[in-house]
C-alpha cells in the first residue's frame, strides 16, 4: 500500500496569516524615521545611516515582494490539498454508495 500523506491545512493557513502579518508590518514600517541627519551630528555617521536606510528600504521592498509570493504559494497549497482531499473523499463515498453503501468489508449473511 502507498504512503500516507498528512497535510495540516489549518497550519498552512496559519503560516500564510503569519507571513501576511509580517509583510504588513514591513509595509507599514517607516525606515526614514531614523534618518534625521541632525540626530547624528557627524557627516560621516549621518551619511552611513543614510546609506543604511537606503539599502534597508530596497531590501525591505524585495522582502515584501517575496513574502507576497510565498503567501500566495502557501495559500494555494492549502487550497490544492483541501480540494484533493475533498475529491478523494467524494470519490470514496461514491464508490461506497455504488457498492451497496458500505466501504468496508462485507459482513456475513445471517
C-alpha atoms as a PDB file:
ATOM      1  CA  UNK A   1       0.000   0.000   0.000  1.00  0.00           C
ATOM      2  CA  UNK A   2       1.180   3.594  -0.667  1.00  0.00           C
ATOM      3  CA  UNK A   3       2.493   6.025   1.872  1.00  0.00           C
ATOM      4  CA  UNK A   4       0.096   8.251   3.769  1.00  0.00           C
ATOM      5  CA  UNK A   5       0.471  11.993   3.332  1.00  0.00           C
ATOM      6  CA  UNK A   6      -0.945  14.015   6.179  1.00  0.00           C
ATOM      7  CA  UNK A   7      -1.275  17.734   5.491  1.00  0.00           C
ATOM      8  CA  UNK A   8      -2.349  20.101   8.236  1.00  0.00           C
ATOM      9  CA  UNK A   9      -4.486  22.590   6.294  1.00  0.00           C
ATOM     10  CA  UNK A  10      -5.017  24.799   9.336  1.00  0.00           C
ATOM     11  CA  UNK A  11      -1.249  25.020   9.928  1.00  0.00           C
ATOM     12  CA  UNK A  12      -0.760  26.123   6.316  1.00  0.00           C
ATOM     13  CA  UNK A  13      -3.467  28.770   6.755  1.00  0.00           C
ATOM     14  CA  UNK A  14      -1.846  29.959   9.997  1.00  0.00           C
ATOM     15  CA  UNK A  15       1.559  30.141   8.314  1.00  0.00           C
ATOM     16  CA  UNK A  16       0.106  32.220   5.477  1.00  0.00           C
ATOM     17  CA  UNK A  17      -1.583  34.519   8.014  1.00  0.00           C
ATOM     18  CA  UNK A  18       1.670  34.987   9.968  1.00  0.00           C
ATOM     19  CA  UNK A  19       3.635  35.713   6.809  1.00  0.00           C
ATOM     20  CA  UNK A  20       0.957  38.181   5.707  1.00  0.00           C
ATOM     21  CA  UNK A  21       1.205  39.886   9.106  1.00  0.00           C
ATOM     22  CA  UNK A  22       4.995  40.205   8.771  1.00  0.00           C
ATOM     23  CA  UNK A  23       4.557  41.609   5.270  1.00  0.00           C
ATOM     24  CA  UNK A  24       2.037  44.165   6.541  1.00  0.00           C
ATOM     25  CA  UNK A  25       4.363  45.223   9.366  1.00  0.00           C
ATOM     26  CA  UNK A  26       7.216  45.700   6.899  1.00  0.00           C
ATOM     27  CA  UNK A  27       4.970  47.715   4.592  1.00  0.00           C
ATOM     28  CA  UNK A  28       3.955  49.971   7.490  1.00  0.00           C
ATOM     29  CA  UNK A  29       7.496  50.468   8.822  1.00  0.00           C
ATOM     30  CA  UNK A  30       8.905  53.883   8.139  1.00  0.00           C
ATOM     31  CA  UNK A  31      12.648  53.478   7.662  1.00  0.00           C
ATOM     32  CA  UNK A  32      13.193  57.198   7.292  1.00  0.00           C
ATOM     33  CA  UNK A  33      12.313  57.835  10.963  1.00  0.00           C
ATOM     34  CA  UNK A  34      15.920  57.160  11.954  1.00  0.00           C
ATOM     35  CA  UNK A  35      17.376  59.103   9.054  1.00  0.00           C
ATOM     36  CA  UNK A  36      17.211  62.583  10.606  1.00  0.00           C
ATOM     37  CA  UNK A  37      20.726  63.884   9.894  1.00  0.00           C
ATOM     38  CA  UNK A  38      20.682  66.313  12.814  1.00  0.00           C
ATOM     39  CA  UNK A  39      20.478  63.473  15.302  1.00  0.00           C
ATOM     40  CA  UNK A  40      23.897  62.059  14.403  1.00  0.00           C
ATOM     41  CA  UNK A  41      25.880  65.271  14.122  1.00  0.00           C
ATOM     42  CA  UNK A  42      28.944  63.973  12.286  1.00  0.00           C
ATOM     43  CA  UNK A  43      28.563  63.947   8.498  1.00  0.00           C
ATOM     44  CA  UNK A  44      30.246  60.542   8.196  1.00  0.00           C
ATOM     45  CA  UNK A  45      27.833  58.962  10.677  1.00  0.00           C
ATOM     46  CA  UNK A  46      24.882  60.715   9.095  1.00  0.00           C
ATOM     47  CA  UNK A  47      25.997  59.519   5.633  1.00  0.00           C
ATOM     48  CA  UNK A  48      26.426  55.947   6.878  1.00  0.00           C
ATOM     49  CA  UNK A  49      22.950  55.992   8.411  1.00  0.00           C
ATOM     50  CA  UNK A  50      21.508  57.430   5.217  1.00  0.00           C
ATOM     51  CA  UNK A  51      23.184  54.673   3.163  1.00  0.00           C
ATOM     52  CA  UNK A  52      21.887  52.045   5.579  1.00  0.00           C
ATOM     53  CA  UNK A  53      18.332  53.399   5.353  1.00  0.00           C
ATOM     54  CA  UNK A  54      18.500  53.418   1.541  1.00  0.00           C
ATOM     55  CA  UNK A  55      19.791  49.841   1.463  1.00  0.00           C
ATOM     56  CA  UNK A  56      17.235  48.728   4.054  1.00  0.00           C
ATOM     57  CA  UNK A  57      14.415  50.323   2.058  1.00  0.00           C
ATOM     58  CA  UNK A  58      15.479  48.457  -1.072  1.00  0.00           C
ATOM     59  CA  UNK A  59      15.922  45.198   0.841  1.00  0.00           C
ATOM     60  CA  UNK A  60      12.595  45.655   2.590  1.00  0.00           C
ATOM     61  CA  UNK A  61      10.879  46.117  -0.778  1.00  0.00           C
ATOM     62  CA  UNK A  62      12.372  42.851  -2.031  1.00  0.00           C
ATOM     63  CA  UNK A  63      11.369  41.040   1.155  1.00  0.00           C
ATOM     64  CA  UNK A  64       7.810  42.370   0.856  1.00  0.00           C
ATOM     65  CA  UNK A  65       7.543  41.138  -2.752  1.00  0.00           C
ATOM     66  CA  UNK A  66       8.936  37.725  -1.825  1.00  0.00           C
ATOM     67  CA  UNK A  67       6.631  37.411   1.188  1.00  0.00           C
ATOM     68  CA  UNK A  68       3.683  38.212  -1.064  1.00  0.00           C
ATOM     69  CA  UNK A  69       4.717  35.407  -3.423  1.00  0.00           C
ATOM     70  CA  UNK A  70       5.247  32.964  -0.542  1.00  0.00           C
ATOM     71  CA  UNK A  71       1.832  33.789   0.963  1.00  0.00           C
ATOM     72  CA  UNK A  72       0.232  33.120  -2.428  1.00  0.00           C
ATOM     73  CA  UNK A  73       2.042  29.771  -2.747  1.00  0.00           C
ATOM     74  CA  UNK A  74       1.173  28.647   0.798  1.00  0.00           C
ATOM     75  CA  UNK A  75      -2.494  29.608   0.402  1.00  0.00           C
ATOM     76  CA  UNK A  76      -2.551  27.837  -2.983  1.00  0.00           C
ATOM     77  CA  UNK A  77      -1.005  24.709  -1.460  1.00  0.00           C
ATOM     78  CA  UNK A  78      -3.601  24.648   1.331  1.00  0.00           C
ATOM     79  CA  UNK A  79      -6.394  25.106  -1.206  1.00  0.00           C
ATOM     80  CA  UNK A  80      -4.990  22.426  -3.509  1.00  0.00           C
ATOM     81  CA  UNK A  81      -4.574  19.892  -0.703  1.00  0.00           C
ATOM     82  CA  UNK A  82      -8.097  20.632   0.559  1.00  0.00           C
ATOM     83  CA  UNK A  83      -9.587  20.169  -2.905  1.00  0.00           C
ATOM     84  CA  UNK A  84      -7.661  16.933  -3.399  1.00  0.00           C
ATOM     85  CA  UNK A  85      -8.811  15.608  -0.035  1.00  0.00           C
ATOM     86  CA  UNK A  86     -12.408  16.608  -0.778  1.00  0.00           C
ATOM     87  CA  UNK A  87     -12.228  14.936  -4.186  1.00  0.00           C
ATOM     88  CA  UNK A  88     -10.810  11.737  -2.706  1.00  0.00           C
ATOM     89  CA  UNK A  89     -13.495  11.685  -0.017  1.00  0.00           C
ATOM     90  CA  UNK A  90     -16.226  12.294  -2.598  1.00  0.00           C
ATOM     91  CA  UNK A  91     -14.827   9.512  -4.788  1.00  0.00           C
ATOM     92  CA  UNK A  92     -14.695   7.145  -1.833  1.00  0.00           C
ATOM     93  CA  UNK A  93     -18.284   7.987  -0.887  1.00  0.00           C
ATOM     94  CA  UNK A  94     -19.488   7.411  -4.453  1.00  0.00           C
ATOM     95  CA  UNK A  95     -17.603   4.124  -4.658  1.00  0.00           C
ATOM     96  CA  UNK A  96     -19.098   3.007  -1.346  1.00  0.00           C
ATOM     97  CA  UNK A  97     -22.593   4.010  -2.451  1.00  0.00           C
ATOM     98  CA  UNK A  98     -22.154   2.088  -5.713  1.00  0.00           C
ATOM     99  CA  UNK A  99     -21.076  -0.995  -3.773  1.00  0.00           C
ATOM    100  CA  UNK A 100     -24.205  -1.145  -1.695  1.00  0.00           C
ATOM    101  CA  UNK A 101     -23.398   1.668   0.709  1.00  0.00           C
ATOM    102  CA  UNK A 102     -20.567   0.000   2.561  1.00  0.00           C
ATOM    103  CA  UNK A 103     -16.961   0.986   2.089  1.00  0.00           C
ATOM    104  CA  UNK A 104     -15.745  -1.671   4.493  1.00  0.00           C
ATOM    105  CA  UNK A 105     -15.620  -5.445   4.173  1.00  0.00           C
ATOM    106  CA  UNK A 106     -18.983  -7.079   3.804  1.00  0.00           C
ATOM    107  CA  UNK A 107     -20.378  -8.822   6.835  1.00  0.00           C
ATOM    108  CA  UNK A 108     -21.556 -12.430   6.594  1.00  0.00           C
ATOM    109  CA  UNK A 109     -25.218 -13.008   5.906  1.00  0.00           C
ATOM    110  CA  UNK A 110     -27.295 -14.103   8.934  1.00  0.00           C
END
